[in-house]
């Protein structure tokens, strides 16, 4: 009987350690992605870059 409790205790500790330090530890949201939530934007999709190009074209 002691072995069963020890086994259950080891499984519980392993689960808690996995939850604390596993692959999704410190994730930003439930989807598992870290960071600010914005994907990198290329220069041709960046509104500030396009606005600056338009301003340079008209100057």
PDB file of N, CA and C in Angstrom:
ATOM      1  N   UNK A   1       0.824  -1.195   0.000  1.00  0.00           N
ATOM      2  CA  UNK A   1       0.000   0.000   0.000  1.00  0.00           C
ATOM      3  C   UNK A   1       0.871   1.263   0.000  1.00  0.00           C
ATOM      4  N   UNK A   2       1.990   1.216   0.687  1.00  0.00           N
ATOM      5  CA  UNK A   2       2.893   2.356   0.746  1.00  0.00           C
ATOM      6  C   UNK A   2       3.455   2.668  -0.630  1.00  0.00           C
ATOM      7  N   UNK A   3       3.705   1.622  -1.401  1.00  0.00           N
ATOM      8  CA  UNK A   3       4.242   1.820  -2.752  1.00  0.00           C
ATOM      9  C   UNK A   3       3.239   2.528  -3.662  1.00  0.00           C
ATOM     10  N   UNK A   4       1.986   2.256  -3.477  1.00  0.00           N
ATOM     11  CA  UNK A   4       0.951   2.912  -4.287  1.00  0.00           C
ATOM     12  C   UNK A   4       0.905   4.405  -3.968  1.00  0.00           C
ATOM     13  N   UNK A   5       0.946   4.747  -2.673  1.00  0.00           N
ATOM     14  CA  UNK A   5       0.954   6.164  -2.303  1.00  0.00           C
ATOM     15  C   UNK A   5       2.220   6.870  -2.784  1.00  0.00           C
ATOM     16  N   UNK A   6       3.347   6.194  -2.706  1.00  0.00           N
ATOM     17  CA  UNK A   6       4.600   6.776  -3.189  1.00  0.00           C
ATOM     18  C   UNK A   6       4.528   7.002  -4.695  1.00  0.00           C
ATOM     19  N   UNK A   7       3.980   6.039  -5.406  1.00  0.00           N
ATOM     20  CA  UNK A   7       3.845   6.170  -6.863  1.00  0.00           C
ATOM     21  C   UNK A   7       2.922   7.337  -7.221  1.00  0.00           C
ATOM     22  N   UNK A   8       1.796   7.451  -6.546  1.00  0.00           N
ATOM     23  CA  UNK A   8       0.864   8.554  -6.801  1.00  0.00           C
ATOM     24  C   UNK A   8       1.521   9.893  -6.452  1.00  0.00           C
ATOM     25  N   UNK A   9       2.287   9.930  -5.368  1.00  0.00           N
ATOM     26  CA  UNK A   9       2.991  11.154  -4.986  1.00  0.00           C
ATOM     27  C   UNK A   9       4.029  11.555  -6.019  1.00  0.00           C
ATOM     28  N   UNK A  10       4.772  10.604  -6.545  1.00  0.00           N
ATOM     29  CA  UNK A  10       5.771  10.898  -7.576  1.00  0.00           C
ATOM     30  C   UNK A  10       5.112  11.410  -8.844  1.00  0.00           C
ATOM     31  N   UNK A  11       4.004  10.802  -9.218  1.00  0.00           N
ATOM     32  CA  UNK A  11       3.272  11.255 -10.412  1.00  0.00           C
ATOM     33  C   UNK A  11       2.763  12.679 -10.200  1.00  0.00           C
ATOM     34  N   UNK A  12       2.230  12.964  -9.008  1.00  0.00           N
ATOM     35  CA  UNK A  12       1.715  14.313  -8.729  1.00  0.00           C
ATOM     36  C   UNK A  12       2.838  15.344  -8.757  1.00  0.00           C
ATOM     37  N   UNK A  13       3.983  15.022  -8.182  1.00  0.00           N
ATOM     38  CA  UNK A  13       5.114  15.955  -8.193  1.00  0.00           C
ATOM     39  C   UNK A  13       5.623  16.159  -9.609  1.00  0.00           C
ATOM     40  N   UNK A  14       5.719  15.083 -10.381  1.00  0.00           N
ATOM     41  CA  UNK A  14       6.168  15.203 -11.769  1.00  0.00           C
ATOM     42  C   UNK A  14       5.210  16.080 -12.581  1.00  0.00           C
ATOM     43  N   UNK A  15       3.920  15.916 -12.356  1.00  0.00           N
ATOM     44  CA  UNK A  15       2.932  16.732 -13.067  1.00  0.00           C
ATOM     45  C   UNK A  15       3.070  18.208 -12.692  1.00  0.00           C
ATOM     46  N   UNK A  16       3.219  18.488 -11.410  1.00  0.00           N
ATOM     47  CA  UNK A  16       3.359  19.879 -10.969  1.00  0.00           C
ATOM     48  C   UNK A  16       4.647  20.510 -11.507  1.00  0.00           C
ATOM     49  N   UNK A  17       5.740  19.762 -11.513  1.00  0.00           N
ATOM     50  CA  UNK A  17       6.982  20.277 -12.081  1.00  0.00           C
ATOM     51  C   UNK A  17       6.853  20.529 -13.585  1.00  0.00           C
ATOM     52  N   UNK A  18       6.162  19.631 -14.276  1.00  0.00           N
ATOM     53  CA  UNK A  18       5.962  19.801 -15.720  1.00  0.00           C
ATOM     54  C   UNK A  18       5.118  21.048 -15.988  1.00  0.00           C
ATOM     55  N   UNK A  19       4.083  21.267 -15.185  1.00  0.00           N
ATOM     56  CA  UNK A  19       3.244  22.453 -15.356  1.00  0.00           C
ATOM     57  C   UNK A  19       4.018  23.732 -15.044  1.00  0.00           C
ATOM     58  N   UNK A  20       4.913  23.690 -14.083  1.00  0.00           N
ATOM     59  CA  UNK A  20       5.662  24.871 -13.677  1.00  0.00           C
ATOM     60  C   UNK A  20       6.800  25.188 -14.640  1.00  0.00           C
ATOM     61  N   UNK A  21       7.482  24.180 -15.137  1.00  0.00           N
ATOM     62  CA  UNK A  21       8.675  24.398 -15.947  1.00  0.00           C
ATOM     63  C   UNK A  21       8.582  23.795 -17.342  1.00  0.00           C
ATOM     64  N   UNK A  22       7.398  23.376 -17.756  1.00  0.00           N
ATOM     65  CA  UNK A  22       7.216  22.722 -19.049  1.00  0.00           C
ATOM     66  C   UNK A  22       7.304  23.685 -20.213  1.00  0.00           C
ATOM     67  N   UNK A  23       6.994  23.209 -21.412  1.00  0.00           N
ATOM     68  CA  UNK A  23       7.158  24.017 -22.622  1.00  0.00           C
ATOM     69  C   UNK A  23       6.285  25.272 -22.660  1.00  0.00           C
ATOM     70  N   UNK A  24       5.160  25.300 -21.975  1.00  0.00           N
ATOM     71  CA  UNK A  24       4.289  26.471 -22.020  1.00  0.00           C
ATOM     72  C   UNK A  24       4.473  27.380 -20.806  1.00  0.00           C
ATOM     73  N   UNK A  25       5.507  27.161 -20.010  1.00  0.00           N
ATOM     74  CA  UNK A  25       5.730  27.992 -18.823  1.00  0.00           C
ATOM     75  C   UNK A  25       6.039  29.417 -19.244  1.00  0.00           C
ATOM     76  N   UNK A  26       5.361  30.384 -18.672  1.00  0.00           N
ATOM     77  CA  UNK A  26       5.604  31.788 -18.985  1.00  0.00           C
ATOM     78  C   UNK A  26       4.984  32.242 -20.286  1.00  0.00           C
ATOM     79  N   UNK A  27       4.040  31.484 -20.809  1.00  0.00           N
ATOM     80  CA  UNK A  27       3.431  31.892 -22.071  1.00  0.00           C
ATOM     81  C   UNK A  27       2.525  33.090 -21.877  1.00  0.00           C
ATOM     82  N   UNK A  28       2.352  33.851 -22.947  1.00  0.00           N
ATOM     83  CA  UNK A  28       1.567  35.069 -22.877  1.00  0.00           C
ATOM     84  C   UNK A  28       0.080  34.792 -22.845  1.00  0.00           C
ATOM     85  N   UNK A  29      -0.346  33.725 -23.452  1.00  0.00           N
ATOM     86  CA  UNK A  29      -1.767  33.458 -23.515  1.00  0.00           C
ATOM     87  C   UNK A  29      -2.051  31.979 -23.617  1.00  0.00           C
ATOM     88  N   UNK A  30      -3.330  31.631 -23.752  1.00  0.00           N
ATOM     89  CA  UNK A  30      -3.685  30.217 -23.811  1.00  0.00           C
ATOM     90  C   UNK A  30      -3.219  29.528 -25.082  1.00  0.00           C
ATOM     91  N   UNK A  31      -2.849  30.305 -26.123  1.00  0.00           N
ATOM     92  CA  UNK A  31      -2.391  29.679 -27.356  1.00  0.00           C
ATOM     93  C   UNK A  31      -0.932  29.256 -27.287  1.00  0.00           C
ATOM     94  N   UNK A  32      -0.221  29.637 -26.227  1.00  0.00           N
ATOM     95  CA  UNK A  32       1.145  29.223 -26.048  1.00  0.00           C
ATOM     96  C   UNK A  32       2.184  30.109 -26.705  1.00  0.00           C
ATOM     97  N   UNK A  33       1.787  31.154 -27.352  1.00  0.00           N
ATOM     98  CA  UNK A  33       2.732  32.056 -27.989  1.00  0.00           C
ATOM     99  C   UNK A  33       3.213  33.099 -27.002  1.00  0.00           C
ATOM    100  N   UNK A  34       4.514  33.351 -27.024  1.00  0.00           N
ATOM    101  CA  UNK A  34       5.073  34.371 -26.153  1.00  0.00           C
ATOM    102  C   UNK A  34       5.222  35.663 -26.920  1.00  0.00           C
ATOM    103  N   UNK A  35       5.383  36.743 -26.185  1.00  0.00           N
ATOM    104  CA  UNK A  35       5.618  38.028 -26.829  1.00  0.00           C
ATOM    105  C   UNK A  35       4.430  38.950 -26.729  1.00  0.00           C
ATOM    106  N   UNK A  36       4.473  40.008 -27.494  1.00  0.00           N
ATOM    107  CA  UNK A  36       3.453  41.040 -27.388  1.00  0.00           C
ATOM    108  C   UNK A  36       2.185  40.707 -28.156  1.00  0.00           C
ATOM    109  N   UNK A  37       2.193  39.639 -28.930  1.00  0.00           N
ATOM    110  CA  UNK A  37       1.007  39.286 -29.687  1.00  0.00           C
ATOM    111  C   UNK A  37       1.037  39.792 -31.117  1.00  0.00           C
ATOM    112  N   UNK A  38       2.018  40.633 -31.461  1.00  0.00           N
ATOM    113  CA  UNK A  38       2.138  41.125 -32.828  1.00  0.00           C
ATOM    114  C   UNK A  38       3.194  40.320 -33.565  1.00  0.00           C
ATOM    115  N   UNK A  39       2.880  39.945 -34.774  1.00  0.00           N
ATOM    116  CA  UNK A  39       3.862  39.280 -35.608  1.00  0.00           C
ATOM    117  C   UNK A  39       4.777  40.324 -36.213  1.00  0.00           C
ATOM    118  N   UNK A  40       6.003  39.939 -36.587  1.00  0.00           N
ATOM    119  CA  UNK A  40       6.880  40.900 -37.247  1.00  0.00           C
ATOM    120  C   UNK A  40       6.250  41.391 -38.546  1.00  0.00           C
ATOM    121  N   UNK A  41       6.423  42.670 -38.790  1.00  0.00           N
ATOM    122  CA  UNK A  41       5.822  43.281 -39.973  1.00  0.00           C
ATOM    123  C   UNK A  41       6.937  43.614 -40.947  1.00  0.00           C
ATOM    124  N   UNK A  42       6.779  43.169 -42.192  1.00  0.00           N
ATOM    125  CA  UNK A  42       7.746  43.502 -43.224  1.00  0.00           C
ATOM    126  C   UNK A  42       7.614  44.959 -43.625  1.00  0.00           C
ATOM    127  N   UNK A  43       8.645  45.528 -44.258  1.00  0.00           N
ATOM    128  CA  UNK A  43       8.591  46.948 -44.615  1.00  0.00           C
ATOM    129  C   UNK A  43       7.439  47.285 -45.559  1.00  0.00           C
ATOM    130  N   UNK A  44       7.058  46.361 -46.417  1.00  0.00           N
ATOM    131  CA  UNK A  44       5.975  46.659 -47.349  1.00  0.00           C
ATOM    132  C   UNK A  44       4.597  46.605 -46.682  1.00  0.00           C
ATOM    133  N   UNK A  45       4.522  46.100 -45.467  1.00  0.00           N
ATOM    134  CA  UNK A  45       3.258  46.056 -44.724  1.00  0.00           C
ATOM    135  C   UNK A  45       3.227  47.032 -43.559  1.00  0.00           C
ATOM    136  N   UNK A  46       4.333  47.715 -43.314  1.00  0.00           N
ATOM    137  CA  UNK A  46       4.427  48.631 -42.184  1.00  0.00           C
ATOM    138  C   UNK A  46       3.817  49.976 -42.574  1.00  0.00           C
ATOM    139  N   UNK A  47       2.739  50.420 -41.915  1.00  0.00           N
ATOM    140  CA  UNK A  47       2.081  51.672 -42.292  1.00  0.00           C
ATOM    141  C   UNK A  47       2.999  52.886 -42.179  1.00  0.00           C
ATOM    142  N   UNK A  48       3.878  52.902 -41.163  1.00  0.00           N
ATOM    143  CA  UNK A  48       4.797  54.041 -41.019  1.00  0.00           C
ATOM    144  C   UNK A  48       5.783  54.097 -42.185  1.00  0.00           C
ATOM    145  N   UNK A  49       6.277  52.950 -42.586  1.00  0.00           N
ATOM    146  CA  UNK A  49       7.208  52.895 -43.711  1.00  0.00           C
ATOM    147  C   UNK A  49       6.525  53.371 -44.994  1.00  0.00           C
ATOM    148  N   UNK A  50       5.305  52.900 -45.227  1.00  0.00           N
ATOM    149  CA  UNK A  50       4.583  53.305 -46.438  1.00  0.00           C
ATOM    150  C   UNK A  50       4.258  54.796 -46.419  1.00  0.00           C
ATOM    151  N   UNK A  51       3.905  55.315 -45.260  1.00  0.00           N
ATOM    152  CA  UNK A  51       3.623  56.741 -45.135  1.00  0.00           C
ATOM    153  C   UNK A  51       4.882  57.562 -45.432  1.00  0.00           C
ATOM    154  N   UNK A  52       6.025  57.092 -44.933  1.00  0.00           N
ATOM    155  CA  UNK A  52       7.283  57.787 -45.188  1.00  0.00           C
ATOM    156  C   UNK A  52       7.642  57.726 -46.680  1.00  0.00           C
ATOM    157  N   UNK A  53       7.405  56.599 -47.331  1.00  0.00           N
ATOM    158  CA  UNK A  53       7.668  56.494 -48.762  1.00  0.00           C
ATOM    159  C   UNK A  53       6.779  57.463 -49.544  1.00  0.00           C
ATOM    160  N   UNK A  54       5.517  57.546 -49.158  1.00  0.00           N
ATOM    161  CA  UNK A  54       4.602  58.458 -49.831  1.00  0.00           C
ATOM    162  C   UNK A  54       5.053  59.901 -49.635  1.00  0.00           C
ATOM    163  N   UNK A  55       5.484  60.241 -48.436  1.00  0.00           N
ATOM    164  CA  UNK A  55       5.968  61.585 -48.154  1.00  0.00           C
ATOM    165  C   UNK A  55       7.225  61.890 -48.979  1.00  0.00           C
ATOM    166  N   UNK A  56       8.132  60.939 -49.096  1.00  0.00           N
ATOM    167  CA  UNK A  56       9.348  61.150 -49.887  1.00  0.00           C
ATOM    168  C   UNK A  56       9.016  61.303 -51.366  1.00  0.00           C
ATOM    169  N   UNK A  57       8.026  60.586 -51.830  1.00  0.00           N
ATOM    170  CA  UNK A  57       7.646  60.641 -53.249  1.00  0.00           C
ATOM    171  C   UNK A  57       7.078  62.023 -53.581  1.00  0.00           C
ATOM    172  N   UNK A  58       6.321  62.606 -52.674  1.00  0.00           N
ATOM    173  CA  UNK A  58       5.690  63.891 -52.917  1.00  0.00           C
ATOM    174  C   UNK A  58       6.627  65.071 -52.656  1.00  0.00           C
ATOM    175  N   UNK A  59       7.744  64.858 -51.982  1.00  0.00           N
ATOM    176  CA  UNK A  59       8.701  65.945 -51.706  1.00  0.00           C
ATOM    177  C   UNK A  59       9.675  66.159 -52.833  1.00  0.00           C
TER     178      UNK A  59
END
